[in-house]
Protein backbone atom coordinates (compact mmCIF):
# COMPACT_ATOMS: atom_id res chain seq x y z
CA MET A 1 165.12 147.36 52.43
CA LYS A 2 168.08 145.74 54.18
CA LYS A 3 166.82 147.03 57.52
CA ILE A 4 163.39 145.49 56.95
CA LEU A 5 164.94 142.14 55.98
CA LEU A 6 167.17 142.25 59.07
CA ILE A 7 164.15 142.91 61.31
CA ILE A 8 162.26 139.96 59.79
CA LEU A 9 165.21 137.60 60.24
CA SER A 10 165.72 138.75 63.84
CA THR A 11 162.03 138.20 64.62
CA CYS A 12 162.07 134.69 63.14
CA ALA A 13 165.20 133.83 65.11
CA GLY A 14 163.56 135.07 68.31
CA VAL A 15 160.39 133.02 67.73
CA LEU A 16 162.47 129.91 66.98
CA LEU A 17 164.47 130.43 70.19
CA LEU A 18 161.24 130.73 72.21
CA ILE A 19 159.90 127.48 70.71
CA VAL A 20 163.12 125.65 71.59
CA LEU A 21 163.10 127.00 75.14
CA ALA A 22 159.40 126.05 75.59
CA GLY A 23 160.09 122.52 74.37
CA MET A 24 163.03 122.14 76.76
CA TYR A 25 160.88 123.42 79.64
CA LYS A 26 158.02 121.02 78.86
CA PHE A 27 160.47 118.09 78.53
CA ASN A 28 162.15 118.85 81.86
CA TYR A 29 158.77 119.50 83.56
CA LEU A 30 157.20 116.21 82.43
CA ALA A 31 160.38 114.30 83.24
CA SER A 32 160.14 115.52 86.82
CA LEU A 33 156.57 114.25 87.29
CA PRO A 34 155.65 110.80 88.59
CA GLY A 35 154.17 108.53 85.95
CA TYR A 36 156.55 109.53 83.10
CA ASP A 37 159.74 107.79 81.87
CA VAL A 38 162.65 109.39 79.95
CA ASP A 39 164.33 107.29 77.22
CA GLY A 40 167.11 109.28 75.54
CA ASN A 41 165.40 112.25 73.93
CA LYS A 42 161.93 110.69 74.32
CA ILE A 43 159.49 110.95 77.20
CA GLU A 44 156.53 108.60 77.58
CA ALA A 45 153.68 108.35 80.07
CA THR A 46 153.53 105.12 82.05
CA ASP A 47 150.36 103.04 82.28
CA THR A 48 149.87 103.54 86.03
CA PHE A 49 147.32 106.15 87.03
CA GLU A 50 146.21 106.60 90.62
CA VAL A 51 142.56 107.72 90.75
CA ILE A 52 141.76 110.02 93.64
CA GLU A 53 138.71 112.13 94.52
CA VAL A 54 138.76 115.91 94.59
CA LEU A 55 136.36 118.81 94.17
CA GLY A 56 137.20 120.69 91.00
CA GLN A 57 136.26 121.85 87.52
CA SER A 58 138.13 122.47 84.26
CA CYS A 59 139.82 125.88 84.16
CA GLN A 60 142.44 128.07 82.52
CA THR A 61 143.00 130.68 85.23
CA ASP A 62 142.19 131.08 88.92
CA ASN A 63 139.30 133.36 87.92
CA ASP A 64 137.50 130.33 86.49
CA CYS A 65 137.41 128.62 89.89
CA GLU A 66 134.16 129.88 91.36
CA THR A 67 131.80 126.90 91.62
CA PRO A 68 133.44 123.53 92.38
CA VAL A 69 132.18 120.43 90.59
CA GLU A 70 132.88 116.83 91.65
CA TYR A 71 135.48 114.92 89.64
CA ALA A 72 137.48 111.72 89.92
CA ILE A 73 141.04 112.86 89.21
CA GLN A 74 143.79 110.91 87.41
CA SER A 75 146.65 112.48 89.32
CA ASN A 76 149.45 111.35 86.96
CA CYS A 77 147.95 112.89 83.81
CA PRO A 78 148.96 116.60 83.90
CA TYR A 79 147.68 117.84 80.54
CA ASP A 80 144.56 119.70 81.74
CA SER A 81 143.83 122.04 84.60
CA VAL A 82 141.19 121.74 87.31
CA CYS A 83 140.11 123.94 90.21
CA ILE A 84 141.44 122.74 93.55
CA GLU A 85 140.82 125.00 96.56
CA ASN A 86 140.07 127.95 94.24
CA LYS A 87 143.39 127.50 92.40
CA CYS A 88 143.69 126.44 88.77
CA THR A 89 145.93 123.39 89.07
CA VAL A 90 147.44 121.36 86.23
CA ILE A 91 145.90 117.88 86.39
CA CYS A 92 143.77 115.61 84.20
CA PRO A 93 140.14 115.29 85.33
CA ALA A 94 137.67 112.56 84.37
CA PRO A 95 133.92 112.94 85.05
CA PHE A 96 132.83 111.73 88.49
CA THR A 97 130.40 108.82 88.05
CA GLY A 98 130.63 106.83 91.29
CA SER A 99 129.48 107.40 94.85
CA ARG A 100 131.46 110.08 96.68
CA ILE A 101 133.26 108.99 99.81
CA SER A 102 132.30 111.14 102.77
CA ASP A 103 133.83 111.35 106.22
CA ALA A 104 130.88 113.27 107.66
CA GLY A 105 128.26 110.49 107.74
CA PRO A 106 125.26 109.12 105.84
CA LYS A 107 123.61 112.55 105.67
CA ASP A 108 126.61 113.92 103.73
CA ALA A 109 127.29 111.13 101.24
CA THR A 110 126.45 110.69 97.55
CA TYR A 111 123.71 108.33 96.39
CA THR A 112 122.56 107.23 92.94
CA ILE A 113 118.86 107.91 92.30
CA GLU A 114 117.32 106.92 88.97
CA GLY A 115 120.78 106.87 87.38
CA GLY A 116 121.92 110.28 88.65
CA SER A 117 124.25 111.19 91.52
CA VAL A 118 122.76 113.10 94.44
CA THR A 119 125.03 114.49 97.15
CA LEU A 120 123.44 115.30 100.48
CA VAL A 121 124.75 118.14 102.59
CA ALA A 122 123.36 117.97 106.12
CA GLY A 123 120.68 115.65 104.76
CA VAL A 124 119.47 117.86 101.88
CA SER A 125 120.25 118.26 98.17
CA GLU A 126 118.81 120.90 95.83
CA LYS A 127 119.35 120.90 92.06
CA GLU A 128 117.78 122.93 89.28
CA VAL A 129 115.34 120.95 87.14
CA ALA A 130 116.90 122.67 84.11
CA LEU A 131 119.57 125.33 83.68
CA GLY A 132 118.12 128.66 84.73
CA SER A 133 114.86 127.10 85.94
CA ALA A 134 113.28 128.20 89.22
CA ALA A 135 111.99 124.66 89.80
CA LYS A 136 114.28 122.41 91.81
CA ILE A 137 114.77 118.72 92.51
CA ILE A 138 114.86 118.50 96.31
CA THR A 139 116.13 115.33 97.97
CA ARG A 140 115.89 114.95 101.76
CA TYR A 141 116.87 112.53 104.47
CA PHE A 142 113.50 111.20 105.74
CA GLY A 143 114.60 108.87 108.52
CA ASN A 144 113.43 105.42 109.66
CA GLU A 145 117.13 104.64 109.96
CA VAL A 146 118.54 101.29 111.08
CA ARG A 147 122.19 100.52 111.78
CA ALA A 148 123.79 97.15 111.04
CA ASP A 149 127.08 95.74 109.76
CA LEU A 150 125.94 94.99 106.20
CA ASN A 151 129.35 94.02 104.79
CA GLU A 152 130.64 92.29 107.95
CA ASP A 153 133.76 94.44 108.33
CA GLY A 154 133.15 95.28 111.97
CA ARG A 155 131.73 98.73 111.21
CA GLU A 156 128.12 99.77 111.64
CA ASP A 157 126.46 100.78 108.36
CA SER A 158 123.22 102.68 107.81
CA VAL A 159 119.94 102.09 105.93
CA PHE A 160 117.27 104.79 105.77
CA LEU A 161 114.62 106.47 103.61
CA LEU A 162 115.03 109.45 101.30
CA THR A 163 112.32 111.60 99.75
CA GLN A 164 112.62 113.39 96.43
CA GLU A 165 110.42 116.15 95.02
CA THR A 166 110.92 116.93 91.34
CA GLY A 167 108.78 120.04 90.93
CA GLY A 168 105.38 118.36 90.63
CA SER A 169 102.91 117.15 93.23
CA GLY A 170 104.68 113.85 93.90
CA THR A 171 106.87 112.95 96.86
CA PHE A 172 108.90 109.89 95.94
CA PHE A 173 110.29 107.61 98.65
CA TYR A 174 113.53 105.62 98.28
CA VAL A 175 115.55 103.19 100.41
CA VAL A 176 119.32 103.80 100.46
CA ALA A 177 122.30 102.42 102.33
CA ALA A 178 125.55 104.06 103.42
CA ILE A 179 128.53 101.77 103.99
CA ASN A 180 131.00 102.86 106.65
CA THR A 181 134.43 102.15 105.10
CA GLU A 182 137.94 102.93 106.31
CA ASP A 183 137.98 105.92 103.95
CA GLY A 184 134.51 107.22 104.79
CA TRP A 185 130.84 106.65 104.00
CA VAL A 186 129.90 105.32 100.55
CA GLY A 187 126.30 105.68 99.32
CA SER A 188 124.32 103.05 97.43
CA HIS A 189 121.91 103.05 94.53
CA ALA A 190 118.40 103.94 95.70
CA TYR A 191 115.50 101.46 95.76
CA PHE A 192 112.17 103.07 94.79
CA LEU A 193 109.29 102.43 97.21
CA GLY A 194 106.49 104.61 95.86
CA ASP A 195 104.90 108.02 95.48
CA ARG A 196 103.24 109.63 98.52
CA ILE A 197 103.29 106.44 100.56
CA ALA A 198 103.03 106.35 104.37
CA PRO A 199 106.24 104.84 105.83
CA GLN A 200 105.85 102.82 109.02
CA THR A 201 108.99 101.02 110.18
CA THR A 202 112.35 99.97 108.78
CA GLU A 203 114.01 97.09 110.61
CA MET A 204 116.33 94.14 110.26
CA SER A 205 114.54 90.88 109.46
CA GLN A 206 114.27 88.53 112.42
CA ASN A 207 113.82 85.52 110.14
CA PRO A 208 116.61 83.08 111.11
CA ASN A 209 117.07 82.25 107.43
CA HIS A 210 117.81 85.89 106.58
CA GLN A 211 121.23 87.49 106.88
CA ASN A 212 121.44 91.28 106.70
CA VAL A 213 117.96 91.53 105.20
CA ILE A 214 116.13 94.82 105.74
CA VAL A 215 112.33 94.90 106.10
CA VAL A 216 110.60 98.13 105.06
CA ASN A 217 106.97 98.43 106.15
CA TYR A 218 104.70 101.10 104.69
CA ALA A 219 101.13 101.85 103.61
CA ASP A 220 100.27 102.36 99.95
CA ARG A 221 97.24 102.61 97.67
CA GLU A 222 95.59 100.08 95.41
CA ASP A 223 96.60 100.15 91.74
CA GLY A 224 94.47 102.81 90.08
CA GLN A 225 93.42 104.40 93.38
CA PRO A 226 93.53 108.25 93.25
CA MET A 227 96.69 109.74 94.72
CA SER A 228 94.55 112.19 96.67
CA GLU A 229 93.23 109.35 98.83
CA GLN A 230 94.93 108.19 102.02
CA SER A 231 97.45 105.35 101.83
CA SER A 232 95.82 102.43 103.65
CA ILE A 233 97.14 99.21 102.09
CA GLY A 234 99.83 97.68 104.28
CA ARG A 235 102.89 96.50 102.41
CA SER A 236 106.30 95.11 103.32
CA VAL A 237 109.40 94.64 101.20
CA TRP A 238 112.45 92.55 102.15
CA LEU A 239 115.70 93.95 100.74
CA LYS A 240 119.32 92.82 100.73
CA LEU A 241 122.21 95.03 99.62
CA ASP A 242 124.71 93.62 97.13
CA ILE A 243 127.97 95.17 98.33
CA ASP A 244 129.78 94.78 94.99
CA SER A 245 127.18 96.65 92.92
CA MET A 246 125.78 98.71 95.83
CA THR A 247 122.25 97.89 94.69
CA PHE A 248 119.31 96.42 96.59
CA GLY A 249 117.71 93.15 95.58
CA GLU A 250 114.30 92.02 96.79
CA VAL A 251 114.24 88.84 98.87
CA VAL A 252 111.40 86.58 97.74
CA GLN A 253 109.28 85.41 100.65
CA ASP A 254 108.99 81.68 100.05
CA PHE A 255 108.85 80.01 103.44
CA GLU A 256 107.80 76.55 102.26
CA GLY A 257 109.75 74.11 104.42
CA ASP A 258 112.26 76.82 105.39
CA ALA A 259 110.97 78.37 108.61
CA ASP A 260 111.68 77.05 112.09
CA PRO A 261 108.60 77.70 114.29
CA ASN A 262 110.75 77.36 117.42
CA VAL A 263 112.65 80.58 116.66
CA MET A 264 109.85 82.62 115.09
CA THR A 265 108.38 85.53 117.08
CA LEU A 266 105.39 87.83 116.77
CA ASP A 267 107.56 90.92 116.31
CA MET A 268 109.80 89.42 113.62
CA GLN A 269 107.83 91.05 110.78
CA THR A 270 104.55 92.65 109.77
CA TRP A 271 101.90 89.93 109.35
CA THR A 272 99.36 90.07 106.52
CA TRP A 273 95.94 88.45 106.94
CA VAL A 274 95.36 85.77 104.30
CA LYS A 275 92.13 84.08 105.40
CA THR A 276 90.06 82.80 108.33
CA GLN A 277 88.78 79.24 108.28
CA TYR A 278 85.78 78.42 110.49
CA ASN A 279 84.87 75.00 111.79
CA ASN A 280 81.48 75.14 110.05
CA ASP A 281 83.34 74.84 106.73
CA THR A 282 83.02 78.53 105.88
CA GLU A 283 85.92 80.78 104.98
CA LEU A 284 86.46 84.53 105.16
CA THR A 285 89.10 86.17 102.97
CA PRO A 286 89.97 89.86 102.53
CA ASN A 287 88.45 91.54 99.51
CA GLN A 288 91.60 93.64 99.21
CA ALA A 289 94.69 91.45 99.27
CA GLY A 290 97.36 92.84 101.59
CA ALA A 291 95.08 95.42 103.18
CA PHE A 292 94.88 93.86 106.65
CA THR A 293 98.12 93.65 108.62
CA LEU A 294 99.33 93.24 112.20
CA THR A 295 102.60 94.65 113.55
CA PHE A 296 103.68 93.60 117.05
CA THR A 297 106.36 95.20 119.22
CA GLU A 298 108.27 93.74 122.15
CA ASP A 299 106.73 96.22 124.59
CA GLY A 300 103.23 94.79 124.13
CA SER A 301 101.94 97.25 121.53
CA VAL A 302 100.22 96.21 118.32
CA SER A 303 99.15 98.24 115.28
CA ALA A 304 96.96 97.18 112.38
CA THR A 305 95.94 98.36 108.95
CA THR A 306 92.59 97.54 107.35
CA ASP A 307 90.81 98.30 104.08
CA CYS A 308 89.62 101.55 105.66
CA ASN A 309 90.90 102.67 109.07
CA SER A 310 94.06 101.98 111.02
CA MET A 311 94.03 100.46 114.51
CA SER A 312 96.33 100.40 117.52
CA GLY A 313 96.25 98.81 120.94
CA THR A 314 97.96 96.31 123.23
CA TYR A 315 98.34 92.56 123.63
CA GLU A 316 99.32 90.22 126.45
CA LEU A 317 101.03 86.83 126.26
CA ASP A 318 100.92 83.84 128.58
CA GLY A 319 102.84 81.06 126.88
CA ASN A 320 101.09 80.63 123.55
CA GLN A 321 97.93 82.31 124.89
CA ILE A 322 97.34 85.80 123.51
CA THR A 323 94.79 88.44 124.45
CA PHE A 324 94.24 91.63 122.48
CA GLY A 325 93.25 94.69 124.52
CA SER A 326 90.93 97.46 123.41
CA MET A 327 91.85 98.72 119.95
CA ALA A 328 91.69 102.42 119.08
CA MET A 329 90.56 103.07 115.52
CA THR A 330 90.39 106.05 113.19
CA ARG A 331 86.86 107.04 112.21
CA MET A 332 86.75 107.18 108.42
CA PHE A 333 83.66 105.64 106.80
CA CYS A 334 84.23 103.15 103.99
CA ALA A 335 81.39 101.33 102.29
CA GLU A 336 81.66 97.52 102.25
CA SER A 337 84.68 97.58 104.54
CA GLN A 338 85.67 94.36 106.32
CA GLU A 339 87.37 96.11 109.22
CA GLN A 340 84.66 95.05 111.70
CA ASP A 341 85.11 91.41 110.68
CA PHE A 342 88.85 91.81 111.21
CA ALA A 343 88.39 93.48 114.60
CA LYS A 344 86.08 90.63 115.65
CA ILE A 345 88.73 88.06 114.73
CA LEU A 346 91.22 89.80 117.02
CA SER A 347 88.75 90.07 119.89
CA GLU A 348 87.96 86.34 119.63
CA THR A 349 91.60 85.18 119.46
CA GLN A 350 92.81 83.06 122.39
CA SER A 351 96.11 81.48 121.25
CA TYR A 352 98.62 81.38 118.42
CA PHE A 353 101.30 79.23 116.81
CA PHE A 354 103.70 79.30 113.85
CA THR A 355 104.02 76.87 110.93
CA THR A 356 106.99 75.65 108.88
CA LYS A 357 105.58 77.72 106.01
CA GLY A 358 106.38 80.85 107.99
CA GLU A 359 102.74 81.48 108.86
CA LEU A 360 101.24 82.96 112.02
CA VAL A 361 98.01 81.18 112.98
CA LEU A 362 95.60 82.79 115.45
CA GLU A 363 93.27 80.27 117.09
CA LEU A 364 89.79 81.57 117.91
CA LYS A 365 87.93 80.94 121.16
CA TYR A 366 85.90 77.80 121.66
CA ASP A 367 87.72 76.13 118.78
CA THR A 368 85.57 77.98 116.26
CA GLY A 369 88.28 78.56 113.67
CA THR A 370 91.74 79.85 112.78
CA ALA A 371 93.01 83.04 111.15
CA ILE A 372 96.11 82.66 108.97
CA PHE A 373 98.69 85.43 108.50
CA ARG A 374 101.84 85.50 106.37
């Protein structure tokens, strides 16, 4: 009986000694770390936490470190462990919610799409729709990239289009920006353009009243038009990136009294036909608003969209005199289309001018009328 009691007392004494030694080790370990202050026999964490970025996931041993997950790490909070370079390292992780900084470039940065973070690797991201599902959300760099210094820090930033497929029949197009900072590339929130649209050009606005405004031109469908039909309605959206929130805002096109005709050019934007006024007091307007557009380039090329087919050709300038060359046209048949009326307007144009409302006016031959574009 005495032997049993002696064994019990010895065991208790050993456990107590281990507890004391563990406490002393933890005290000395924390006291040696940055971010902790020692006051007598007390140790307290300071309020300063440096947030850094690292690839990692919560762990207990090195065997847990197989698939890295993105985290923003509070480096002075060593209560938890996280995987860093396949090693389980004591540190305190917080979920990563911002845009990852990348040194590689816009095709390897993180963007926010519909509230979720998407990290591109060589321009592609693949995620499971649900855990264990064969279906994937695939996000890709599409292109139509323009470079400009959006935050005026002397570095060239990037704006381009992404596509995302979520397992169904849709292909969703987004506009994103990547800001080139001292620490790397930072991705923006994505601006949704549409499903299965036909992108045309992405360019910087040439409007003298615009600063760092991006113009995205694309073809879309009418509201209610079947998705199986070809995108044929020309659209343009003017976007400006808010650097603080990294979100795009749409620039409202209200030119009343704002535009300077002396600095406006044909290639400054895509022009949408509004109406044609004839000198016999008749007027021709498009049945489909926004369907008919003209896009000029500096090299003398011009492309057009209509309510049916698309057109392309050339133009020549002599002062304010303009002559459209032969226009090639796709050959789809559309009942009640106005494309022939539109083509006739172009063939009869002899000169042009701009207005203070930001309008392009094409003057027809023999002073028979004017076609107004905005």
